Protein backbone atom coordinates (compact mmCIF):
# COMPACT_ATOMS: atom_id res chain seq x y z
CA MET A 1 14.23 -12.25 9.86
CA ARG A 2 13.51 -10.85 6.54
CA ILE A 3 10.92 -12.17 4.07
CA ARG A 4 8.99 -11.23 1.09
CA VAL A 5 5.10 -12.18 0.30
CA PRO A 6 3.43 -13.04 -2.90
CA GLY A 7 2.31 -10.14 -5.28
CA ASP A 8 -0.72 -7.75 -4.37
CA LYS A 9 -3.85 -9.81 -5.55
CA SER A 10 -5.80 -6.97 -6.21
CA ILE A 11 -3.47 -5.01 -8.18
CA SER A 12 -2.49 -8.17 -10.10
CA GLN A 13 -5.99 -8.89 -11.11
CA ARG A 14 -6.53 -4.97 -11.90
CA ALA A 15 -3.21 -4.78 -14.00
CA LEU A 16 -4.06 -7.87 -16.21
CA ILE A 17 -7.49 -6.08 -17.11
CA VAL A 18 -6.21 -2.93 -17.53
CA ALA A 19 -3.26 -4.18 -19.66
CA ALA A 20 -6.01 -6.12 -21.86
CA LEU A 21 -7.53 -2.77 -22.94
CA ALA A 22 -4.52 -0.91 -23.57
CA GLU A 23 -3.21 -0.43 -27.18
CA GLY A 24 0.40 -1.89 -27.54
CA ARG A 25 2.55 -4.08 -25.27
CA SER A 26 2.46 -4.40 -21.28
CA ARG A 27 5.23 -5.15 -19.24
CA ILE A 28 4.33 -6.58 -15.92
CA ALA A 29 6.36 -8.15 -13.12
CA GLY A 30 5.32 -9.65 -9.90
CA LEU A 31 2.11 -10.97 -10.91
CA LEU A 32 0.60 -13.12 -7.90
CA HIS A 33 0.61 -16.48 -8.88
CA GLY A 34 -2.74 -17.75 -7.03
CA GLY A 35 -6.05 -18.88 -7.87
CA ASP A 36 -8.12 -15.67 -7.96
CA THR A 37 -5.51 -14.48 -10.33
CA GLU A 38 -5.63 -17.19 -12.14
CA SER A 39 -9.29 -17.18 -12.67
CA THR A 40 -9.28 -13.49 -14.07
CA ALA A 41 -6.64 -14.35 -16.64
CA ARG A 42 -8.62 -17.86 -17.35
CA ALA A 43 -11.63 -15.27 -17.99
CA LEU A 44 -9.41 -12.49 -20.31
CA ARG A 45 -8.40 -15.67 -22.68
CA ALA A 46 -11.88 -16.74 -22.80
CA LEU A 47 -12.62 -13.17 -23.98
CA GLY A 48 -10.03 -13.14 -26.85
CA VAL A 49 -7.23 -11.53 -24.66
CA PRO A 50 -3.65 -13.61 -25.31
CA VAL A 51 -2.63 -13.50 -21.69
CA PRO A 52 0.50 -15.54 -21.18
CA THR A 53 1.11 -17.93 -18.27
CA ILE A 54 1.40 -16.43 -15.33
CA PRO A 55 4.70 -18.08 -13.75
CA GLY A 56 5.08 -18.75 -10.32
CA ASP A 57 8.38 -17.10 -9.63
CA GLY A 58 7.08 -13.95 -10.62
CA SER A 59 9.17 -13.36 -13.57
CA GLU A 60 8.19 -10.99 -16.14
CA VAL A 61 5.31 -11.18 -18.47
CA VAL A 62 4.48 -9.44 -21.69
CA LEU A 63 1.03 -9.16 -22.77
CA GLU A 64 -0.58 -7.71 -26.00
CA GLY A 65 -3.77 -5.09 -25.32
CA VAL A 66 -6.49 -5.53 -27.35
CA GLY A 67 -8.11 -2.08 -27.01
CA LEU A 68 -11.08 -0.82 -25.55
CA ASP A 69 -13.44 -2.20 -28.12
CA GLY A 70 -11.05 -5.53 -28.52
CA LEU A 71 -12.86 -8.01 -26.23
CA ARG A 72 -14.93 -10.58 -27.79
CA PRO A 73 -17.61 -13.00 -26.92
CA PRO A 74 -16.57 -16.05 -25.17
CA ASN A 75 -17.61 -19.59 -26.28
CA GLY A 76 -19.01 -20.58 -23.08
CA ARG A 77 -19.36 -19.21 -19.58
CA LEU A 78 -16.76 -16.99 -17.90
CA ASP A 79 -16.08 -19.50 -14.77
CA LEU A 80 -14.17 -16.50 -12.04
CA GLY A 81 -14.02 -19.53 -9.56
CA ASN A 82 -14.00 -17.67 -6.39
CA SER A 83 -12.95 -14.05 -7.55
CA GLY A 84 -15.42 -11.28 -6.63
CA THR A 85 -13.01 -8.79 -7.96
CA GLY A 86 -12.37 -10.51 -11.20
CA ALA A 87 -16.21 -11.11 -11.91
CA ARG A 88 -17.42 -7.59 -10.69
CA LEU A 89 -14.33 -5.66 -12.66
CA LEU A 90 -14.88 -7.63 -15.75
CA MET A 91 -18.99 -7.36 -15.33
CA GLY A 92 -18.28 -3.68 -15.74
CA ALA A 93 -15.36 -3.87 -18.46
CA VAL A 94 -17.86 -5.72 -20.61
CA SER A 95 -20.68 -3.17 -20.01
CA GLY A 96 -19.66 -0.59 -22.51
CA ILE A 97 -18.37 -3.07 -25.41
CA GLU A 98 -20.86 -4.93 -28.05
CA VAL A 99 -20.21 -8.37 -25.82
CA GLU A 100 -22.82 -10.72 -24.50
CA ALA A 101 -20.92 -12.86 -21.57
CA ARG A 102 -22.37 -15.38 -18.99
CA PHE A 103 -20.41 -14.88 -15.85
CA ASP A 104 -20.62 -17.37 -12.88
CA GLY A 105 -18.53 -18.75 -10.29
CA ASP A 106 -18.14 -21.57 -7.52
CA THR A 107 -20.56 -22.03 -4.82
CA SER A 108 -18.66 -19.38 -2.27
CA LEU A 109 -18.75 -16.73 -5.06
CA ARG A 110 -22.42 -17.52 -6.34
CA GLY A 111 -23.33 -16.81 -2.59
CA ARG A 112 -21.97 -13.02 -2.71
CA PRO A 113 -24.06 -10.29 -3.17
CA MET A 114 -24.09 -8.67 -6.96
CA GLY A 115 -26.84 -6.17 -6.70
CA ARG A 116 -24.64 -3.79 -5.80
CA VAL A 117 -22.51 -3.80 -9.46
CA ILE A 118 -26.10 -4.65 -11.16
CA ARG A 119 -27.93 -1.61 -10.34
CA PRO A 120 -25.27 0.88 -11.50
CA LEU A 121 -24.29 -1.33 -14.84
CA ARG A 122 -28.16 -1.17 -15.65
CA ALA A 123 -28.59 2.70 -15.14
CA LEU A 124 -25.49 3.20 -17.36
CA GLY A 125 -27.36 1.12 -20.32
CA ALA A 126 -26.07 -1.94 -20.21
CA ARG A 127 -28.49 -5.30 -19.71
CA VAL A 128 -27.38 -7.22 -16.68
CA ASP A 129 -29.73 -10.06 -15.67
CA ALA A 130 -29.33 -12.98 -13.32
CA VAL A 131 -30.21 -16.31 -14.28
CA GLU A 132 -31.43 -18.02 -11.56
CA THR A 133 -31.46 -16.05 -8.36
CA PRO A 134 -32.01 -12.24 -8.22
CA ASP A 135 -28.52 -10.39 -7.38
CA ARG A 136 -26.47 -13.44 -7.39
CA LEU A 137 -24.28 -15.09 -10.23
CA PRO A 138 -24.78 -16.59 -13.03
CA ILE A 139 -25.46 -13.69 -14.64
CA VAL A 140 -25.55 -12.20 -18.10
CA VAL A 141 -24.03 -9.05 -19.43
CA ARG A 142 -25.07 -7.80 -22.87
CA GLY A 143 -23.09 -4.83 -23.17
CA ARG A 144 -23.63 -2.10 -24.60
CA ALA A 145 -21.33 0.82 -27.13
CA GLY A 146 -21.83 4.26 -26.08
CA LEU A 147 -23.17 4.26 -22.31
CA SER A 148 -25.17 6.70 -20.68
CA PRO A 149 -23.19 9.22 -18.56
CA LEU A 150 -23.57 7.94 -15.15
CA GLU A 151 -23.05 9.69 -11.29
CA TRP A 152 -23.49 7.25 -9.01
CA GLU A 153 -23.71 7.11 -5.13
CA SER A 154 -22.62 3.96 -3.40
CA PRO A 155 -24.05 3.56 0.23
CA ILE A 156 -20.94 1.38 0.98
CA ALA A 157 -17.27 2.20 -0.11
CA SER A 158 -16.57 -0.95 -2.19
CA ALA A 159 -13.36 -0.62 -4.51
CA GLN A 160 -14.84 -3.51 -6.43
CA VAL A 161 -18.44 -1.47 -7.35
CA LYS A 162 -16.32 1.84 -7.95
CA SER A 163 -13.75 0.08 -10.65
CA ALA A 164 -16.76 -1.56 -12.07
CA ILE A 165 -18.47 1.65 -12.72
CA LEU A 166 -15.06 3.26 -13.70
CA LEU A 167 -13.77 0.45 -16.24
CA ALA A 168 -17.71 0.51 -17.67
CA GLY A 169 -16.95 4.39 -18.35
CA LEU A 170 -14.19 3.50 -19.63
CA THR A 171 -15.04 1.21 -22.57
CA GLY A 172 -18.54 2.84 -23.22
CA ARG A 173 -17.25 5.70 -23.92
CA THR A 174 -18.61 8.28 -21.15
CA ARG A 175 -18.04 10.22 -18.12
CA VAL A 176 -18.74 8.33 -14.75
CA ALA A 177 -18.90 9.49 -10.97
CA VAL A 178 -18.59 7.57 -8.08
CA ILE A 179 -19.32 9.10 -4.73
CA GLU A 180 -18.72 6.88 -1.49
CA PRO A 181 -19.03 7.93 2.14
CA TRP A 182 -15.72 6.99 2.82
CA VAL A 183 -11.93 6.25 0.74
CA SER A 184 -11.73 2.60 -0.29
CA ARG A 185 -8.86 0.81 -2.06
CA ASP A 186 -7.87 3.58 -5.18
CA HIS A 187 -5.60 0.91 -6.78
CA THR A 188 -7.70 1.47 -10.04
CA GLU A 189 -7.37 5.33 -10.51
CA ARG A 190 -4.00 5.14 -9.75
CA MET A 191 -3.07 2.47 -12.59
CA LEU A 192 -5.97 3.97 -14.86
CA ARG A 193 -4.00 7.44 -14.20
CA VAL A 194 -0.70 6.12 -15.32
CA VAL A 195 -2.20 4.72 -18.72
CA GLY A 196 -3.56 8.29 -19.22
CA ALA A 197 -7.17 7.73 -18.49
CA PRO A 198 -8.71 11.36 -17.11
CA VAL A 199 -9.49 10.35 -13.55
CA SER A 200 -9.54 12.42 -10.55
CA SER A 201 -10.57 12.00 -6.87
CA ARG A 202 -11.38 14.51 -4.19
CA LYS A 203 -13.47 14.97 -0.85
CA THR A 204 -16.72 16.60 -0.90
CA GLU A 205 -19.27 17.37 1.51
CA SER A 206 -21.14 13.88 1.06
CA GLY A 207 -18.15 11.92 0.78
CA TRP A 208 -15.04 10.92 -1.41
CA ARG A 209 -15.69 11.66 -5.26
CA VAL A 210 -14.05 9.81 -7.83
CA GLU A 211 -14.53 10.96 -11.60
CA LEU A 212 -14.01 9.57 -14.66
CA GLN A 213 -13.95 12.06 -17.89
CA GLU A 214 -15.55 10.52 -21.24
CA SER A 215 -12.14 8.52 -22.58
CA GLN A 216 -10.34 9.40 -25.96
CA GLY A 217 -10.73 5.78 -27.17
CA ARG A 218 -7.49 4.62 -26.11
CA ILE A 219 -5.15 3.70 -23.20
CA ASP A 220 -1.37 3.14 -22.77
CA PRO A 221 0.01 0.08 -22.24
CA LEU A 222 1.07 -1.28 -18.69
CA ASP A 223 4.96 -1.03 -17.17
CA LEU A 224 4.36 -2.25 -13.76
CA SER A 225 6.08 -4.46 -11.20
CA VAL A 226 3.74 -5.94 -9.04
CA PRO A 227 4.35 -4.89 -5.02
CA GLY A 228 3.79 -7.75 -1.98
CA ASP A 229 0.47 -8.16 -1.01
CA PHE A 230 0.01 -5.63 2.08
CA SER A 231 -2.74 -8.18 3.08
CA SER A 232 -0.49 -11.33 2.86
CA ALA A 233 2.18 -9.61 5.10
CA ALA A 234 -0.63 -8.93 7.84
CA PHE A 235 -0.40 -12.50 8.59
CA VAL A 236 3.23 -12.34 9.05
CA LEU A 237 3.38 -9.13 11.10
CA ALA A 238 0.78 -10.26 13.38
CA LEU A 239 2.55 -13.58 14.20
CA SER A 240 5.46 -11.06 15.02
CA ALA A 241 3.26 -9.22 17.30
CA LEU A 242 2.32 -12.07 19.17
CA GLY A 243 5.97 -12.92 19.77
CA ALA A 244 5.72 -16.01 17.82
CA ALA A 245 7.99 -15.61 15.51
CA GLY A 246 11.32 -15.17 17.97
CA GLY A 247 11.70 -11.55 17.51
CA GLU A 248 11.54 -8.92 15.01
CA VAL A 249 10.23 -9.57 11.47
CA THR A 250 11.01 -7.50 8.32
CA VAL A 251 8.38 -7.93 5.08
CA GLU A 252 10.29 -6.63 2.28
CA ARG A 253 9.36 -4.21 -0.69
CA VAL A 254 5.63 -4.40 -0.09
CA GLY A 255 2.56 -2.18 -1.17
CA LEU A 256 1.63 0.78 0.99
CA ASN A 257 -1.00 2.11 -0.41
CA PRO A 258 -2.74 4.14 2.54
CA THR A 259 -5.94 2.96 1.36
CA ARG A 260 -4.79 -0.56 2.89
CA THR A 261 -2.66 -0.27 5.92
CA GLY A 262 -5.14 0.58 8.54
CA PHE A 263 -4.08 -2.37 9.86
CA LEU A 264 -0.44 -0.86 10.92
CA ASP A 265 -2.32 1.76 12.88
CA VAL A 266 -4.29 -1.03 14.72
CA LEU A 267 -1.33 -3.09 15.65
CA ARG A 268 0.20 0.05 17.34
CA ARG A 269 -2.53 1.05 19.04
CA MET A 270 -2.60 -2.51 20.65
CA GLY A 271 1.07 -2.15 21.56
CA ALA A 272 3.13 -4.01 19.10
CA ASP A 273 6.38 -1.89 17.55
CA VAL A 274 5.76 -1.37 13.71
CA ARG A 275 8.20 0.70 11.63
CA VAL A 276 7.97 1.44 7.93
CA ASP A 277 11.62 1.68 5.99
CA ASP A 278 12.92 2.32 2.46
CA ARG A 279 9.25 4.06 1.49
CA THR A 280 9.07 4.63 -2.53
CA LEU A 281 6.96 4.73 -5.30
CA ASP A 282 7.17 2.40 -7.96
CA ASP A 283 5.80 3.02 -11.69
CA THR A 284 2.08 3.10 -10.70
CA SER A 285 2.42 5.41 -8.13
CA GLU A 286 2.03 2.69 -5.25
CA PRO A 287 4.16 3.29 -2.31
CA VAL A 288 5.98 0.51 -1.33
CA GLY A 289 8.50 -0.21 1.41
CA ASP A 290 10.02 -2.43 4.13
CA VAL A 291 7.47 -2.86 7.13
CA VAL A 292 9.23 -4.07 10.44
CA VAL A 293 7.31 -5.25 13.55
CA ARG A 294 8.77 -6.23 17.15
CA PRO A 295 6.05 -7.68 19.95
CA GLY A 296 4.71 -6.40 22.21
CA VAL A 297 1.96 -6.80 25.03
CA LEU A 298 -1.01 -6.55 23.30
CA LYS A 299 -4.02 -4.42 24.55
CA GLY A 300 -7.52 -4.20 23.51
CA THR A 301 -8.47 -1.84 21.11
CA GLU A 302 -11.73 -0.43 19.16
CA VAL A 303 -12.41 -0.19 15.40
CA VAL A 304 -15.04 1.73 13.82
CA ALA A 305 -16.49 2.25 10.88
CA ALA A 306 -14.50 5.16 9.20
CA GLU A 307 -11.24 2.62 9.60
CA VAL A 308 -13.35 -0.46 7.84
CA PRO A 309 -12.70 0.34 4.18
CA GLY A 310 -8.61 0.59 5.27
CA LEU A 311 -8.69 -3.08 6.66
CA ILE A 312 -11.55 -4.93 5.49
CA ASP A 313 -9.41 -7.87 4.56
CA GLU A 314 -7.61 -8.01 7.72
CA LEU A 315 -10.48 -7.38 10.40
CA PRO A 316 -10.46 -11.31 10.87
CA LEU A 317 -6.95 -10.99 12.04
CA VAL A 318 -7.98 -8.36 14.28
CA ALA A 319 -10.38 -10.59 15.86
CA VAL A 320 -7.82 -13.12 16.54
CA LEU A 321 -4.90 -10.81 17.89
CA GLY A 322 -7.85 -9.78 20.19
CA ALA A 323 -7.86 -13.61 21.66
CA CYS A 324 -4.75 -12.80 22.60
CA ALA A 325 -4.99 -9.14 24.11
CA ASP A 326 -5.51 -8.23 27.27
CA GLY A 327 -8.94 -6.45 27.49
CA GLU A 328 -11.71 -5.85 24.59
CA VAL A 329 -11.03 -5.65 21.27
CA ARG A 330 -14.40 -4.39 19.51
CA ILE A 331 -15.21 -4.05 15.84
CA SER A 332 -18.09 -2.13 14.75
CA GLY A 333 -19.17 -0.67 11.38
CA ALA A 334 -18.03 -3.92 9.50
CA SER A 335 -21.64 -5.38 7.90
CA GLU A 336 -19.63 -5.56 4.74
CA LEU A 337 -17.85 -8.90 6.38
CA ARG A 338 -21.04 -10.42 5.81
CA ALA A 339 -20.78 -10.26 1.77
CA LYS A 340 -17.45 -11.56 1.75
CA GLU A 341 -16.00 -15.54 0.95
CA SER A 342 -17.92 -16.55 3.90
CA ASP A 343 -20.12 -14.47 6.54
CA ARG A 344 -16.73 -13.79 8.25
CA ILE A 345 -18.74 -12.24 11.14
CA ALA A 346 -20.22 -15.53 12.24
CA THR A 347 -17.63 -17.85 10.76
CA VAL A 348 -14.80 -15.86 13.12
CA THR A 349 -17.39 -15.82 16.05
CA LYS A 350 -18.19 -19.46 15.90
CA GLY A 351 -14.40 -20.31 15.34
CA LEU A 352 -13.12 -18.40 18.41
CA THR A 353 -16.20 -19.46 20.61
CA GLY A 354 -15.81 -22.83 19.50
CA LEU A 355 -12.11 -22.77 21.18
CA GLY A 356 -13.29 -21.07 24.45
CA VAL A 357 -12.61 -17.57 23.93
CA ALA A 358 -15.36 -15.21 24.60
CA VAL A 359 -16.92 -13.57 21.76
CA GLU A 360 -20.54 -11.20 21.32
CA GLU A 361 -21.74 -11.30 17.58
CA LEU A 362 -23.02 -7.93 16.48
CA GLU A 363 -24.75 -7.13 13.47
CA ASP A 364 -21.88 -4.93 12.00
CA GLY A 365 -18.96 -6.29 13.76
CA LEU A 366 -17.87 -8.55 17.04
CA VAL A 367 -16.69 -7.97 20.68
CA VAL A 368 -13.98 -10.38 21.76
CA GLN A 369 -12.65 -10.73 25.13
CA GLY A 370 -8.98 -11.59 25.10
CA VAL A 371 -7.21 -13.54 27.42
CA PRO A 372 -3.34 -13.57 27.34
CA GLY A 373 -1.14 -16.77 27.25
CA ARG A 374 -3.76 -19.19 27.39
CA THR A 375 -3.25 -22.09 24.82
CA LEU A 376 -5.87 -22.57 22.55
CA ARG A 377 -7.16 -25.62 21.17
CA GLY A 378 -10.11 -26.97 19.09
CA PHE A 379 -11.51 -27.59 15.32
CA VAL A 380 -12.62 -24.59 12.99
CA GLU A 381 -14.48 -24.57 9.98
CA VAL A 382 -13.34 -21.90 7.51
CA HIS A 383 -16.11 -22.42 5.14
CA HIS A 384 -13.40 -22.14 2.04
CA ASP A 385 -12.50 -18.66 3.24
CA HIS A 386 -8.93 -18.19 2.73
CA ARG A 387 -8.50 -15.11 5.07
CA ILE A 388 -10.02 -17.11 7.84
CA ALA A 389 -7.84 -19.97 7.22
CA MET A 390 -4.79 -18.13 7.48
CA ALA A 391 -6.19 -16.27 10.67
CA PHE A 392 -6.64 -19.12 12.68
CA SER A 393 -3.53 -20.71 11.32
CA VAL A 394 -1.54 -17.70 12.97
CA LEU A 395 -3.68 -17.79 16.27
CA GLY A 396 -2.65 -21.57 16.26
CA ALA A 397 1.01 -20.68 15.57
CA ALA A 398 0.93 -18.23 18.46
CA THR A 399 -0.80 -20.17 21.21
CA GLY A 400 0.31 -23.57 21.03
CA ARG A 401 -0.05 -25.53 17.67
CA ALA A 402 -3.50 -27.34 18.98
CA ILE A 403 -6.11 -25.37 16.40
CA ARG A 404 -7.14 -27.72 13.76
CA ILE A 405 -8.34 -26.07 10.82
CA ASP A 406 -10.54 -28.15 7.94
CA ASP A 407 -9.16 -26.80 5.13
CA ARG A 408 -5.89 -25.09 5.29
CA ALA A 409 -5.22 -25.27 1.43
CA VAL A 410 -7.69 -22.79 0.87
CA SER A 411 -5.01 -19.99 1.47
CA ASP A 412 -3.74 -20.81 -1.76
CA VAL A 413 -6.01 -18.41 -3.42
CA SER A 414 -4.36 -15.34 -2.02
CA PHE A 415 -1.05 -16.86 -0.90
CA PRO A 416 0.56 -19.70 -2.22
CA GLY A 417 3.35 -21.56 0.25
CA PHE A 418 1.74 -19.68 3.12
CA HIS A 419 1.94 -22.62 5.57
CA GLU A 420 5.69 -23.30 4.62
CA LEU A 421 6.23 -19.60 5.58
CA LEU A 422 4.41 -20.10 8.56
CA THR A 423 6.27 -22.72 9.95
CA ARG A 424 9.59 -21.41 8.80
CA VAL A 425 8.73 -17.83 10.68
CA ALA A 426 7.44 -19.40 13.95
CA GLY A 427 9.53 -22.79 13.96
CA ASP A 428 8.17 -26.27 13.53
CA ARG A 429 6.60 -27.33 17.03
CA ASP A 430 4.10 -29.39 15.63
């Protein structure tokens, strides 16, 4: 079976922001038509950017950029919904412009930590103030032209923190450098290089260094076709690995950025047959290809801290795969999971335990004891978290269709049509 998944959520949101800051007309095809992308587009419109309606079929949109100084004060609050990427990256972009904006979001986003972005933006010279609760939305950003240079050593590998700093340096016309303990997603760096921003990356003794030199005051427009979202493809690939898709599954034209594909290494270690075909580079120098997975007899494995940035979104899926594997799946060094749309360590632990799976919750991960071939039944609360909802949907499809989920529709945040595709791939056995 050959399928395609929606456009990459991370790349879609970055493409809208970078195109908005460019001079000239950007052409972008394949944008994700989902909740998070819509939230970012809505916020950009409120900042004075003429973002067109995002089509549901992935057809091309043309966006006229306003330039690095072109964002305008919004009339009301910027509601980013559930989009942590949109909130954090736009906080960075606004910081280098004479604009005041109030950032807000839904209950889930209001609960996510923002101090990790607030601190470097303040160090650059922007005024950033939490309105109600320290380090949480709603937050007012008062940008300032001509920010101070910054070298920021981040204790965590976070693409959102890194990207916020880079975008602040870009609009604030200053040099910034971010040092992370490991490489995080590098979509922002790749995209900025394509539009002419002077960005470099290299390994150092203290970790991974990304640096933006003082910009020349403009960036070029984008001409981009967004690849399929690897994190969305992972759910279909997991279904195949579990033998619930009736054989081989190929996901076509999916993004294969090496900072995103750690899940494939884990699948191979667990015993699935994984192959990558037709690898090419698209216009943003993002690797794109077809991923083929055949089922195998799954066994336990260990995921350690150095691997976590490369599969942070897929770790709930690794945990539910562990429920069907022979042996133990141990995930550690993943405390960042507690700061996602839900506390994903606690949510997955509670969900699997409620289904009768033996799970040990760690401070920075969890340990799952698998029992292959068992029918799992029960009710799972996903706490409005799209990744959790999709992970347990895959588990249910693979283990007897006896798992009920309280909020299946939340998957539309990143994967519109997921449940229809799941039924098609796994067969309708309800």
